[in-house]
Amino acid sequence: MNPTPVGADVLVGVLALQGDFREHEHALAACGAATRRVRTVEDLEGIDALVVPGGESTTMSNLALRWGLMEPLRALVRGGLPAYGSCAGMIMLADRIEGGRPDQETIGGLDVTVLRNAFGRQVDSFEADIAMLAFGAEPVHTVFIRAPWVEQAGPGVEVLGTVPTGPAAGRIIAVRQGRLLATSFHPELTGDARIHRYFLEMVREQA
């Protein structure tokens, strides 16, 4: 367990089964939050929020099932625990998946359908500056790595960002539904903490 920074008022559990959880820890710490790596059910006790990192969604799902975490995670999200997922984390928080394995399970909670690897394979990874006013006046520098996008969003889902130009123009890449936030891209890899600060404000609003 990571030590709690002096003055930290929020404890964020970071799902640490696979993927870039360390980068999320660094971003959250830079915003003044305490973090705890979540690998067991016991690690969920007392957390104020959850972050599901980028990585490989099928592996993450299989490990969550194997280690008995999937149902407790679902129960917490259903019960109102704020959660943020980036890239594979968006897939894990989605209610529906296209392009995944038929037996792939998710935590769910977001009334969206996501398409896995929507932007292409690893070699098609790219970066772009995209305006998303929810996160501030300056464009957000986005990193897409085998990223999903949202194919369909339910009526209660707020679209925070879309691709502005090119073949994927109009595709949804950032959404919020109540206490849940998800992005197709990886803000944890850029050094720009605005999205993590936005999420922490969501958490504090619920406290």
N, C-alpha and C. Protein backbone atom coordinates (compact mmCIF):
# COMPACT_ATOMS: atom_id res chain seq x y z
N MET A 1 0.85 -1.20 0.00
CA MET A 1 0.00 0.00 0.00
C MET A 1 0.88 1.24 0.00
N ASN A 2 0.53 2.24 -0.80
CA ASN A 2 1.28 3.47 -0.84
C ASN A 2 0.94 4.35 0.36
N PRO A 3 1.92 5.11 0.88
CA PRO A 3 1.62 6.01 1.99
C PRO A 3 0.70 7.12 1.54
N THR A 4 -0.11 7.62 2.46
CA THR A 4 -1.02 8.71 2.17
C THR A 4 -0.27 10.03 2.24
N PRO A 5 -0.29 10.85 1.16
CA PRO A 5 0.38 12.15 1.22
C PRO A 5 -0.24 13.03 2.30
N VAL A 6 0.59 13.90 2.88
CA VAL A 6 0.10 14.82 3.89
C VAL A 6 -0.98 15.71 3.26
N GLY A 7 -2.12 15.78 3.90
CA GLY A 7 -3.20 16.62 3.41
C GLY A 7 -4.10 15.96 2.39
N ALA A 8 -3.81 14.74 1.99
CA ALA A 8 -4.65 14.07 0.99
C ALA A 8 -6.02 13.79 1.59
N ASP A 9 -7.07 14.14 0.84
CA ASP A 9 -8.42 13.94 1.34
C ASP A 9 -9.16 12.86 0.57
N VAL A 10 -8.53 12.26 -0.43
CA VAL A 10 -9.16 11.24 -1.26
C VAL A 10 -8.22 10.05 -1.40
N LEU A 11 -8.76 8.85 -1.21
CA LEU A 11 -7.99 7.62 -1.41
C LEU A 11 -8.54 6.92 -2.65
N VAL A 12 -7.71 6.83 -3.68
CA VAL A 12 -8.12 6.25 -4.95
C VAL A 12 -7.49 4.87 -5.10
N GLY A 13 -8.33 3.87 -5.29
CA GLY A 13 -7.83 2.55 -5.61
C GLY A 13 -7.51 2.47 -7.09
N VAL A 14 -6.31 2.00 -7.42
CA VAL A 14 -5.90 1.86 -8.82
C VAL A 14 -5.78 0.37 -9.12
N LEU A 15 -6.64 -0.12 -10.00
CA LEU A 15 -6.62 -1.54 -10.33
C LEU A 15 -5.26 -1.90 -10.92
N ALA A 16 -4.55 -2.79 -10.26
CA ALA A 16 -3.15 -3.05 -10.59
C ALA A 16 -2.94 -4.50 -11.00
N LEU A 17 -3.86 -5.04 -11.78
CA LEU A 17 -3.74 -6.41 -12.26
C LEU A 17 -2.82 -6.47 -13.47
N GLN A 18 -2.83 -5.42 -14.29
CA GLN A 18 -2.09 -5.38 -15.54
C GLN A 18 -2.19 -3.97 -16.10
N GLY A 19 -1.25 -3.56 -16.91
CA GLY A 19 -1.35 -2.27 -17.56
C GLY A 19 -0.54 -1.18 -16.88
N ASP A 20 -0.85 0.08 -17.23
CA ASP A 20 0.00 1.21 -16.81
C ASP A 20 -0.54 1.87 -15.53
N PHE A 21 -0.74 1.06 -14.50
CA PHE A 21 -1.28 1.58 -13.25
C PHE A 21 -0.30 2.53 -12.57
N ARG A 22 1.00 2.32 -12.74
CA ARG A 22 1.98 3.19 -12.08
C ARG A 22 1.85 4.63 -12.58
N GLU A 23 1.63 4.79 -13.87
CA GLU A 23 1.49 6.14 -14.43
C GLU A 23 0.26 6.85 -13.86
N HIS A 24 -0.82 6.12 -13.65
CA HIS A 24 -2.00 6.72 -13.00
C HIS A 24 -1.68 7.11 -11.56
N GLU A 25 -0.95 6.28 -10.86
CA GLU A 25 -0.56 6.61 -9.49
C GLU A 25 0.20 7.93 -9.45
N HIS A 26 1.15 8.10 -10.38
CA HIS A 26 1.95 9.32 -10.39
C HIS A 26 1.08 10.54 -10.69
N ALA A 27 0.16 10.40 -11.64
CA ALA A 27 -0.72 11.52 -11.99
C ALA A 27 -1.63 11.90 -10.82
N LEU A 28 -2.18 10.91 -10.15
CA LEU A 28 -3.06 11.17 -9.01
C LEU A 28 -2.29 11.79 -7.85
N ALA A 29 -1.08 11.29 -7.61
CA ALA A 29 -0.26 11.85 -6.54
C ALA A 29 0.08 13.31 -6.82
N ALA A 30 0.33 13.62 -8.09
CA ALA A 30 0.62 15.01 -8.47
C ALA A 30 -0.56 15.93 -8.20
N CYS A 31 -1.75 15.36 -8.14
CA CYS A 31 -2.97 16.13 -7.85
C CYS A 31 -3.31 16.12 -6.36
N GLY A 32 -2.48 15.50 -5.55
CA GLY A 32 -2.68 15.52 -4.11
C GLY A 32 -3.50 14.39 -3.55
N ALA A 33 -3.79 13.37 -4.35
CA ALA A 33 -4.59 12.24 -3.88
C ALA A 33 -3.70 11.11 -3.39
N ALA A 34 -4.19 10.36 -2.44
CA ALA A 34 -3.54 9.12 -2.03
C ALA A 34 -4.00 8.00 -2.94
N THR A 35 -3.14 7.01 -3.16
CA THR A 35 -3.51 5.88 -4.00
C THR A 35 -3.20 4.57 -3.29
N ARG A 36 -3.94 3.55 -3.70
CA ARG A 36 -3.71 2.19 -3.20
C ARG A 36 -3.85 1.23 -4.38
N ARG A 37 -2.88 0.37 -4.55
CA ARG A 37 -2.97 -0.64 -5.61
C ARG A 37 -4.00 -1.70 -5.22
N VAL A 38 -4.89 -1.98 -6.16
CA VAL A 38 -5.96 -2.95 -5.91
C VAL A 38 -5.64 -4.24 -6.64
N ARG A 39 -5.37 -5.28 -5.86
CA ARG A 39 -5.16 -6.62 -6.42
C ARG A 39 -6.00 -7.67 -5.72
N THR A 40 -6.54 -7.33 -4.57
CA THR A 40 -7.36 -8.27 -3.81
C THR A 40 -8.62 -7.57 -3.35
N VAL A 41 -9.59 -8.34 -2.92
CA VAL A 41 -10.84 -7.76 -2.41
C VAL A 41 -10.55 -6.87 -1.20
N GLU A 42 -9.59 -7.27 -0.37
CA GLU A 42 -9.27 -6.49 0.82
C GLU A 42 -8.76 -5.09 0.45
N ASP A 43 -8.12 -4.98 -0.71
CA ASP A 43 -7.59 -3.67 -1.13
C ASP A 43 -8.70 -2.67 -1.44
N LEU A 44 -9.92 -3.15 -1.63
CA LEU A 44 -11.04 -2.27 -1.96
C LEU A 44 -11.60 -1.56 -0.72
N GLU A 45 -11.29 -2.05 0.45
CA GLU A 45 -11.89 -1.52 1.67
C GLU A 45 -11.46 -0.07 1.89
N GLY A 46 -12.43 0.82 2.01
CA GLY A 46 -12.15 2.19 2.38
C GLY A 46 -11.77 3.12 1.25
N ILE A 47 -11.73 2.65 0.00
CA ILE A 47 -11.36 3.55 -1.08
C ILE A 47 -12.53 4.49 -1.40
N ASP A 48 -12.18 5.70 -1.86
CA ASP A 48 -13.18 6.70 -2.22
C ASP A 48 -13.49 6.69 -3.71
N ALA A 49 -12.65 6.05 -4.51
CA ALA A 49 -12.82 6.04 -5.96
C ALA A 49 -11.93 4.93 -6.53
N LEU A 50 -12.16 4.67 -7.82
CA LEU A 50 -11.42 3.60 -8.51
C LEU A 50 -10.93 4.12 -9.85
N VAL A 51 -9.69 3.78 -10.21
CA VAL A 51 -9.16 4.03 -11.54
C VAL A 51 -8.82 2.70 -12.18
N VAL A 52 -9.30 2.50 -13.41
CA VAL A 52 -8.98 1.29 -14.19
C VAL A 52 -8.06 1.73 -15.32
N PRO A 53 -6.82 1.25 -15.33
CA PRO A 53 -5.82 1.80 -16.25
C PRO A 53 -5.93 1.25 -17.66
N GLY A 54 -5.10 1.80 -18.54
CA GLY A 54 -4.92 1.21 -19.85
C GLY A 54 -4.12 -0.08 -19.74
N GLY A 55 -4.24 -0.90 -20.75
CA GLY A 55 -3.54 -2.17 -20.78
C GLY A 55 -4.20 -3.08 -21.80
N GLU A 56 -4.40 -4.32 -21.43
CA GLU A 56 -5.06 -5.28 -22.31
C GLU A 56 -6.34 -5.73 -21.62
N SER A 57 -7.48 -5.35 -22.18
CA SER A 57 -8.74 -5.52 -21.47
C SER A 57 -9.10 -6.98 -21.24
N THR A 58 -8.78 -7.85 -22.18
CA THR A 58 -9.11 -9.27 -21.99
C THR A 58 -8.32 -9.85 -20.83
N THR A 59 -7.02 -9.56 -20.79
CA THR A 59 -6.18 -10.04 -19.69
C THR A 59 -6.66 -9.49 -18.36
N MET A 60 -6.98 -8.20 -18.34
CA MET A 60 -7.45 -7.56 -17.11
C MET A 60 -8.74 -8.22 -16.62
N SER A 61 -9.66 -8.47 -17.55
CA SER A 61 -10.93 -9.10 -17.19
C SER A 61 -10.71 -10.51 -16.65
N ASN A 62 -9.86 -11.27 -17.33
CA ASN A 62 -9.60 -12.65 -16.89
C ASN A 62 -8.98 -12.69 -15.51
N LEU A 63 -8.05 -11.79 -15.24
CA LEU A 63 -7.40 -11.76 -13.93
C LEU A 63 -8.38 -11.32 -12.84
N ALA A 64 -9.24 -10.36 -13.16
CA ALA A 64 -10.23 -9.93 -12.17
C ALA A 64 -11.17 -11.07 -11.81
N LEU A 65 -11.54 -11.88 -12.80
CA LEU A 65 -12.38 -13.04 -12.53
C LEU A 65 -11.62 -14.09 -11.73
N ARG A 66 -10.40 -14.36 -12.11
CA ARG A 66 -9.61 -15.40 -11.46
C ARG A 66 -9.34 -15.06 -10.00
N TRP A 67 -9.12 -13.80 -9.70
CA TRP A 67 -8.77 -13.38 -8.35
C TRP A 67 -9.99 -12.92 -7.55
N GLY A 68 -11.19 -13.17 -8.06
CA GLY A 68 -12.40 -12.90 -7.30
C GLY A 68 -12.73 -11.43 -7.13
N LEU A 69 -12.24 -10.59 -8.05
CA LEU A 69 -12.46 -9.15 -7.92
C LEU A 69 -13.65 -8.64 -8.72
N MET A 70 -14.06 -9.37 -9.74
CA MET A 70 -15.04 -8.81 -10.67
C MET A 70 -16.36 -8.46 -9.98
N GLU A 71 -16.92 -9.37 -9.23
CA GLU A 71 -18.20 -9.10 -8.58
C GLU A 71 -18.10 -7.99 -7.54
N PRO A 72 -17.07 -7.97 -6.68
CA PRO A 72 -16.94 -6.84 -5.75
C PRO A 72 -16.80 -5.50 -6.47
N LEU A 73 -16.05 -5.48 -7.58
CA LEU A 73 -15.93 -4.24 -8.35
C LEU A 73 -17.27 -3.80 -8.92
N ARG A 74 -18.01 -4.75 -9.46
CA ARG A 74 -19.34 -4.44 -10.00
C ARG A 74 -20.24 -3.89 -8.91
N ALA A 75 -20.20 -4.50 -7.74
CA ALA A 75 -21.06 -4.06 -6.64
C ALA A 75 -20.73 -2.64 -6.21
N LEU A 76 -19.44 -2.32 -6.15
CA LEU A 76 -19.04 -0.97 -5.75
C LEU A 76 -19.47 0.07 -6.77
N VAL A 77 -19.28 -0.24 -8.06
CA VAL A 77 -19.68 0.71 -9.10
C VAL A 77 -21.19 0.88 -9.12
N ARG A 78 -21.92 -0.23 -8.99
CA ARG A 78 -23.38 -0.14 -8.93
C ARG A 78 -23.83 0.68 -7.72
N GLY A 79 -23.06 0.58 -6.65
CA GLY A 79 -23.41 1.30 -5.42
C GLY A 79 -23.02 2.76 -5.43
N GLY A 80 -22.39 3.23 -6.52
CA GLY A 80 -22.10 4.65 -6.64
C GLY A 80 -20.66 5.06 -6.47
N LEU A 81 -19.72 4.09 -6.40
CA LEU A 81 -18.31 4.45 -6.27
C LEU A 81 -17.86 5.17 -7.54
N PRO A 82 -17.29 6.37 -7.45
CA PRO A 82 -16.76 7.03 -8.64
C PRO A 82 -15.64 6.20 -9.26
N ALA A 83 -15.62 6.12 -10.59
CA ALA A 83 -14.60 5.34 -11.28
C ALA A 83 -14.22 6.03 -12.58
N TYR A 84 -12.94 5.92 -12.92
CA TYR A 84 -12.41 6.45 -14.18
C TYR A 84 -11.63 5.36 -14.88
N GLY A 85 -11.88 5.19 -16.18
CA GLY A 85 -11.14 4.21 -16.97
C GLY A 85 -10.54 4.84 -18.21
N SER A 86 -9.26 4.56 -18.47
CA SER A 86 -8.60 5.05 -19.68
C SER A 86 -8.29 3.87 -20.59
N CYS A 87 -8.63 4.00 -21.88
CA CYS A 87 -8.36 3.00 -22.91
C CYS A 87 -8.97 1.65 -22.52
N ALA A 88 -8.16 0.68 -22.12
CA ALA A 88 -8.73 -0.60 -21.68
C ALA A 88 -9.68 -0.40 -20.51
N GLY A 89 -9.42 0.62 -19.70
CA GLY A 89 -10.33 0.93 -18.59
C GLY A 89 -11.69 1.37 -19.07
N MET A 90 -11.75 2.06 -20.22
CA MET A 90 -13.04 2.40 -20.81
C MET A 90 -13.80 1.13 -21.17
N ILE A 91 -13.10 0.16 -21.74
CA ILE A 91 -13.73 -1.11 -22.10
C ILE A 91 -14.24 -1.81 -20.85
N MET A 92 -13.44 -1.80 -19.78
CA MET A 92 -13.83 -2.48 -18.55
C MET A 92 -15.05 -1.85 -17.90
N LEU A 93 -15.26 -0.54 -18.09
CA LEU A 93 -16.41 0.12 -17.48
C LEU A 93 -17.64 0.12 -18.38
N ALA A 94 -17.48 -0.32 -19.63
CA ALA A 94 -18.60 -0.31 -20.57
C ALA A 94 -19.56 -1.46 -20.30
N ASP A 95 -20.83 -1.20 -20.57
CA ASP A 95 -21.84 -2.26 -20.45
C ASP A 95 -21.79 -3.24 -21.63
N ARG A 96 -21.33 -2.75 -22.79
CA ARG A 96 -21.35 -3.59 -24.00
C ARG A 96 -20.05 -3.39 -24.78
N ILE A 97 -19.56 -4.49 -25.39
CA ILE A 97 -18.33 -4.47 -26.17
C ILE A 97 -18.58 -5.04 -27.55
N GLU A 98 -18.00 -4.42 -28.55
CA GLU A 98 -17.91 -5.00 -29.87
C GLU A 98 -16.44 -5.25 -30.19
N GLY A 99 -16.17 -6.37 -30.87
CA GLY A 99 -14.80 -6.70 -31.23
C GLY A 99 -14.03 -7.42 -30.15
N GLY A 100 -14.70 -7.79 -29.06
CA GLY A 100 -14.05 -8.53 -27.99
C GLY A 100 -14.34 -10.01 -28.09
N ARG A 101 -13.78 -10.78 -27.18
CA ARG A 101 -14.10 -12.20 -27.12
C ARG A 101 -15.54 -12.38 -26.68
N PRO A 102 -16.23 -13.40 -27.21
CA PRO A 102 -17.65 -13.59 -26.84
C PRO A 102 -17.86 -13.74 -25.34
N ASP A 103 -16.86 -14.28 -24.64
CA ASP A 103 -17.00 -14.52 -23.21
C ASP A 103 -16.36 -13.42 -22.36
N GLN A 104 -15.93 -12.31 -22.98
CA GLN A 104 -15.26 -11.26 -22.22
C GLN A 104 -16.25 -10.55 -21.31
N GLU A 105 -15.89 -10.42 -20.05
CA GLU A 105 -16.74 -9.76 -19.06
C GLU A 105 -16.17 -8.40 -18.68
N THR A 106 -17.05 -7.51 -18.24
CA THR A 106 -16.64 -6.18 -17.83
C THR A 106 -17.21 -5.86 -16.46
N ILE A 107 -16.67 -4.81 -15.86
CA ILE A 107 -17.25 -4.28 -14.62
C ILE A 107 -18.60 -3.64 -14.93
N GLY A 108 -18.66 -2.91 -16.03
CA GLY A 108 -19.90 -2.26 -16.44
C GLY A 108 -20.21 -1.02 -15.64
N GLY A 109 -21.37 -0.45 -15.94
CA GLY A 109 -21.83 0.77 -15.29
C GLY A 109 -22.08 1.88 -16.26
N LEU A 110 -21.24 1.98 -17.31
CA LEU A 110 -21.42 2.99 -18.35
C LEU A 110 -22.35 2.45 -19.42
N ASP A 111 -23.40 3.19 -19.70
CA ASP A 111 -24.37 2.78 -20.72
C ASP A 111 -23.84 3.12 -22.11
N VAL A 112 -22.78 2.42 -22.48
CA VAL A 112 -22.16 2.64 -23.79
C VAL A 112 -21.81 1.30 -24.42
N THR A 113 -21.68 1.33 -25.75
CA THR A 113 -21.10 0.23 -26.51
C THR A 113 -19.75 0.71 -27.02
N VAL A 114 -18.69 -0.01 -26.69
CA VAL A 114 -17.36 0.38 -27.15
C VAL A 114 -16.85 -0.65 -28.17
N LEU A 115 -16.07 -0.15 -29.11
CA LEU A 115 -15.44 -1.00 -30.11
C LEU A 115 -13.97 -1.13 -29.76
N ARG A 116 -13.53 -2.35 -29.47
CA ARG A 116 -12.12 -2.60 -29.14
C ARG A 116 -11.24 -2.35 -30.37
N ASN A 117 -10.02 -1.85 -30.12
CA ASN A 117 -9.03 -1.62 -31.18
C ASN A 117 -9.62 -0.84 -32.35
N ALA A 118 -10.50 0.12 -32.03
CA ALA A 118 -11.23 0.83 -33.07
C ALA A 118 -10.31 1.63 -33.99
N PHE A 119 -9.21 2.14 -33.45
CA PHE A 119 -8.30 2.95 -34.24
C PHE A 119 -7.23 2.11 -34.95
N GLY A 120 -7.24 0.81 -34.77
CA GLY A 120 -6.28 -0.04 -35.45
C GLY A 120 -5.33 -0.75 -34.50
N ARG A 121 -4.30 -1.34 -35.07
CA ARG A 121 -3.34 -2.14 -34.31
C ARG A 121 -2.30 -1.25 -33.66
N GLN A 122 -1.34 -1.87 -32.96
CA GLN A 122 -0.29 -1.14 -32.25
C GLN A 122 0.44 -0.17 -33.18
N VAL A 123 0.68 -0.58 -34.41
CA VAL A 123 1.43 0.28 -35.34
C VAL A 123 0.62 1.51 -35.75
N ASP A 124 -0.68 1.50 -35.49
CA ASP A 124 -1.52 2.64 -35.82
C ASP A 124 -1.68 3.61 -34.66
N SER A 125 -0.93 3.39 -33.59
CA SER A 125 -1.00 4.31 -32.45
C SER A 125 -0.58 5.72 -32.88
N PHE A 126 -1.18 6.74 -32.23
CA PHE A 126 -0.89 8.11 -32.64
C PHE A 126 -1.18 9.06 -31.49
N GLU A 127 -0.74 10.30 -31.67
CA GLU A 127 -1.00 11.37 -30.71
C GLU A 127 -1.62 12.55 -31.44
N ALA A 128 -2.47 13.30 -30.72
CA ALA A 128 -3.12 14.46 -31.33
C ALA A 128 -3.56 15.42 -30.23
N ASP A 129 -3.62 16.70 -30.57
CA ASP A 129 -4.16 17.72 -29.66
C ASP A 129 -5.63 17.96 -30.03
N ILE A 130 -6.52 17.72 -29.06
CA ILE A 130 -7.96 17.77 -29.32
C ILE A 130 -8.62 18.66 -28.28
N ALA A 131 -9.43 19.58 -28.75
CA ALA A 131 -10.16 20.48 -27.84
C ALA A 131 -11.28 19.73 -27.13
N MET A 132 -11.29 19.80 -25.80
CA MET A 132 -12.36 19.22 -24.98
C MET A 132 -12.63 20.20 -23.85
N LEU A 133 -13.63 21.03 -24.02
CA LEU A 133 -13.84 22.16 -23.13
C LEU A 133 -14.12 21.74 -21.69
N ALA A 134 -14.62 20.53 -21.49
CA ALA A 134 -14.86 20.06 -20.12
C ALA A 134 -13.58 20.06 -19.29
N PHE A 135 -12.43 19.92 -19.97
CA PHE A 135 -11.14 19.82 -19.28
C PHE A 135 -10.33 21.11 -19.35
N GLY A 136 -10.89 22.16 -19.93
CA GLY A 136 -10.19 23.43 -19.98
C GLY A 136 -10.11 23.99 -21.38
N ALA A 137 -9.66 25.25 -21.47
CA ALA A 137 -9.62 25.94 -22.75
C ALA A 137 -8.55 25.41 -23.69
N GLU A 138 -7.44 24.95 -23.13
CA GLU A 138 -6.35 24.44 -23.96
C GLU A 138 -6.67 23.04 -24.46
N PRO A 139 -6.31 22.72 -25.72
CA PRO A 139 -6.52 21.36 -26.22
C PRO A 139 -5.82 20.33 -25.35
N VAL A 140 -6.38 19.14 -25.31
CA VAL A 140 -5.81 18.03 -24.56
C VAL A 140 -4.90 17.24 -25.49
N HIS A 141 -3.66 17.00 -25.05
CA HIS A 141 -2.76 16.17 -25.85
C HIS A 141 -3.12 14.70 -25.58
N THR A 142 -3.60 14.03 -26.60
CA THR A 142 -4.12 12.67 -26.44
C THR A 142 -3.17 11.65 -27.05
N VAL A 143 -3.06 10.51 -26.37
CA VAL A 143 -2.25 9.40 -26.83
C VAL A 143 -3.17 8.19 -27.00
N PHE A 144 -3.25 7.69 -28.23
CA PHE A 144 -4.11 6.56 -28.56
C PHE A 144 -3.23 5.34 -28.87
N ILE A 145 -3.41 4.25 -28.10
CA ILE A 145 -2.64 3.02 -28.30
C ILE A 145 -3.62 1.86 -28.39
N ARG A 146 -3.83 1.34 -29.59
CA ARG A 146 -4.83 0.28 -29.79
C ARG A 146 -6.13 0.65 -29.09
N ALA A 147 -6.56 1.86 -29.30
CA ALA A 147 -7.61 2.45 -28.47
C ALA A 147 -9.01 2.07 -28.96
N PRO A 148 -9.95 2.03 -28.03
CA PRO A 148 -11.36 1.88 -28.40
C PRO A 148 -11.97 3.23 -28.72
N TRP A 149 -13.19 3.23 -29.21
CA TRP A 149 -14.03 4.42 -29.20
C TRP A 149 -15.44 3.99 -28.83
N VAL A 150 -16.28 4.95 -28.52
CA VAL A 150 -17.66 4.66 -28.15
C VAL A 150 -18.51 4.63 -29.42
N GLU A 151 -19.08 3.47 -29.70
CA GLU A 151 -19.94 3.30 -30.87
C GLU A 151 -21.33 3.89 -30.61
N GLN A 152 -21.85 3.62 -29.41
CA GLN A 152 -23.18 4.11 -29.05
C GLN A 152 -23.17 4.52 -27.58
N ALA A 153 -23.84 5.63 -27.29
CA ALA A 153 -23.94 6.12 -25.91
C ALA A 153 -25.41 6.27 -25.54
N GLY A 154 -25.75 5.80 -24.36
CA GLY A 154 -27.13 5.88 -23.88
C GLY A 154 -27.53 7.31 -23.57
N PRO A 155 -28.82 7.53 -23.33
CA PRO A 155 -29.33 8.89 -23.13
C PRO A 155 -28.78 9.59 -21.89
N GLY A 156 -28.31 8.82 -20.91
CA GLY A 156 -27.78 9.45 -19.71
C GLY A 156 -26.29 9.71 -19.76
N VAL A 157 -25.66 9.47 -20.92
CA VAL A 157 -24.22 9.62 -21.06
C VAL A 157 -23.90 10.98 -21.67
N GLU A 158 -23.02 11.72 -21.02
CA GLU A 158 -22.56 13.02 -21.53
C GLU A 158 -21.29 12.81 -22.35
N VAL A 159 -21.30 13.26 -23.58
CA VAL A 159 -20.12 13.17 -24.45
C VAL A 159 -19.22 14.37 -24.16
N LEU A 160 -17.98 14.09 -23.75
CA LEU A 160 -17.03 15.14 -23.40
C LEU A 160 -16.01 15.41 -24.50
N GLY A 161 -15.83 14.45 -25.41
CA GLY A 161 -14.84 14.64 -26.45
C GLY A 161 -15.08 13.75 -27.64
N THR A 162 -14.82 14.28 -28.84
CA THR A 162 -14.91 13.53 -30.08
C THR A 162 -13.70 13.83 -30.94
N VAL A 163 -13.43 12.96 -31.90
CA VAL A 163 -12.35 13.18 -32.85
C VAL A 163 -12.80 14.27 -33.83
N PRO A 164 -12.01 15.34 -34.01
CA PRO A 164 -12.49 16.46 -34.81
C PRO A 164 -12.36 16.28 -36.32
N THR A 165 -11.34 15.57 -36.77
CA THR A 165 -11.09 15.48 -38.21
C THR A 165 -10.60 14.09 -38.58
N GLY A 166 -10.48 13.85 -39.89
CA GLY A 166 -9.91 12.60 -40.38
C GLY A 166 -10.95 11.51 -40.50
N PRO A 167 -10.48 10.28 -40.81
CA PRO A 167 -11.41 9.16 -41.02
C PRO A 167 -12.29 8.84 -39.82
N ALA A 168 -11.80 9.17 -38.61
CA ALA A 168 -12.57 8.88 -37.39
C ALA A 168 -13.33 10.09 -36.88
N ALA A 169 -13.49 11.11 -37.70
CA ALA A 169 -14.15 12.34 -37.25
C ALA A 169 -15.53 12.03 -36.67
N GLY A 170 -15.79 12.61 -35.52
CA GLY A 170 -17.08 12.44 -34.85
C GLY A 170 -17.13 11.28 -33.89
N ARG A 171 -16.11 10.42 -33.90
CA ARG A 171 -16.11 9.29 -32.97
C ARG A 171 -15.92 9.78 -31.54
N ILE A 172 -16.63 9.14 -30.62
CA ILE A 172 -16.64 9.57 -29.22
C ILE A 172 -15.44 8.98 -28.48
N ILE A 173 -14.67 9.85 -27.80
CA ILE A 173 -13.44 9.40 -27.13
C ILE A 173 -13.40 9.76 -25.65
N ALA A 174 -14.40 10.48 -25.15
CA ALA A 174 -14.46 10.80 -23.72
C ALA A 174 -15.91 10.95 -23.31
N VAL A 175 -16.29 10.29 -22.21
CA VAL A 175 -17.68 10.31 -21.76
C VAL A 175 -17.74 10.37 -20.24
N ARG A 176 -18.89 10.86 -19.76
CA ARG A 176 -19.19 10.84 -18.34
C ARG A 176 -20.64 10.44 -18.16
N GLN A 177 -20.87 9.60 -17.17
CA GLN A 177 -22.24 9.26 -16.77
C GLN A 177 -22.28 9.26 -15.25
N GLY A 178 -22.81 10.33 -14.69
CA GLY A 178 -22.85 10.43 -13.23
C GLY A 178 -21.47 10.39 -12.62
N ARG A 179 -21.21 9.36 -11.85
CA ARG A 179 -19.93 9.23 -11.14
C ARG A 179 -18.87 8.50 -11.96
N LEU A 180 -19.18 8.15 -13.21
CA LEU A 180 -18.25 7.38 -14.04
C LEU A 180 -17.69 8.24 -15.17
N LEU A 181 -16.39 8.11 -15.40
CA LEU A 181 -15.68 8.86 -16.42
C LEU A 181 -14.83 7.88 -17.21
N ALA A 182 -14.73 8.07 -18.52
CA ALA A 182 -13.90 7.19 -19.34
C ALA A 182 -13.35 7.95 -20.54
N THR A 183 -12.11 7.61 -20.91
CA THR A 183 -11.48 8.17 -22.10
C THR A 183 -10.86 7.06 -22.92
N SER A 184 -10.89 7.23 -24.24
CA SER A 184 -10.24 6.27 -25.13
C SER A 184 -8.72 6.37 -25.05
N PHE A 185 -8.24 7.51 -24.67
CA PHE A 185 -6.81 7.82 -24.70
C PHE A 185 -6.19 7.74 -23.31
N HIS A 186 -4.89 8.01 -23.25
CA HIS A 186 -4.09 7.81 -22.04
C HIS A 186 -3.56 9.14 -21.50
N PRO A 187 -4.32 9.89 -20.71
CA PRO A 187 -3.76 11.13 -20.14
C PRO A 187 -2.64 10.86 -19.15
N GLU A 188 -2.60 9.66 -18.60
CA GLU A 188 -1.56 9.33 -17.63
C GLU A 188 -0.16 9.29 -18.25
N LEU A 189 -0.09 9.27 -19.59
CA LEU A 189 1.21 9.18 -20.27
C LEU A 189 1.73 10.53 -20.74
N THR A 190 0.98 11.62 -20.49
CA THR A 190 1.33 12.89 -21.11
C THR A 190 1.90 13.93 -20.16
N GLY A 191 1.75 13.75 -18.86
CA GLY A 191 2.16 14.78 -17.92
C GLY A 191 1.12 15.86 -17.72
N ASP A 192 -0.01 15.80 -18.43
CA ASP A 192 -1.11 16.75 -18.27
C ASP A 192 -2.12 16.14 -17.30
N ALA A 193 -2.23 16.73 -16.12
CA ALA A 193 -3.05 16.14 -15.06
C ALA A 193 -4.48 16.66 -15.04
N ARG A 194 -4.91 17.38 -16.07
CA ARG A 194 -6.24 18.00 -16.02
C ARG A 194 -7.37 16.98 -15.90
N ILE A 195 -7.25 15.87 -16.59
CA ILE A 195 -8.34 14.89 -16.54
C ILE A 195 -8.36 14.21 -15.18
N HIS A 196 -7.20 13.95 -14.61
CA HIS A 196 -7.17 13.38 -13.26
C HIS A 196 -7.72 14.38 -12.24
N ARG A 197 -7.42 15.68 -12.41
CA ARG A 197 -8.00 16.68 -11.52
C ARG A 197 -9.52 16.75 -11.68
N TYR A 198 -9.98 16.67 -12.92
CA TYR A 198 -11.43 16.66 -13.17
C TYR A 198 -12.07 15.48 -12.45
N PHE A 199 -11.45 14.31 -12.55
CA PHE A 199 -12.00 13.13 -11.88
C PHE A 199 -12.00 13.32 -10.37
N LEU A 200 -10.94 13.85 -9.82
CA LEU A 200 -10.88 14.03 -8.37
C LEU A 200 -11.93 15.04 -7.90
N GLU A 201 -12.23 16.04 -8.71
CA GLU A 201 -13.32 16.95 -8.37
C GLU A 201 -14.65 16.22 -8.36
N MET A 202 -14.85 15.30 -9.31
CA MET A 202 -16.04 14.47 -9.30
C MET A 202 -16.14 13.70 -7.98
N VAL A 203 -15.01 13.14 -7.56
CA VAL A 203 -14.99 12.34 -6.33
C VAL A 203 -15.33 13.22 -5.12
N ARG A 204 -14.72 14.39 -5.09
CA ARG A 204 -14.93 15.27 -3.93
C ARG A 204 -16.36 15.78 -3.88
N GLU A 205 -16.97 15.96 -5.05
CA GLU A 205 -18.38 16.38 -5.08
C GLU A 205 -19.29 15.34 -4.42
N GLN A 206 -18.89 14.06 -4.49
CA GLN A 206 -19.70 13.00 -3.92
C GLN A 206 -19.41 12.76 -2.45
N ALA A 207 -18.30 13.30 -1.98
CA ALA A 207 -17.88 13.01 -0.59
C ALA A 207 -18.83 13.66 0.40
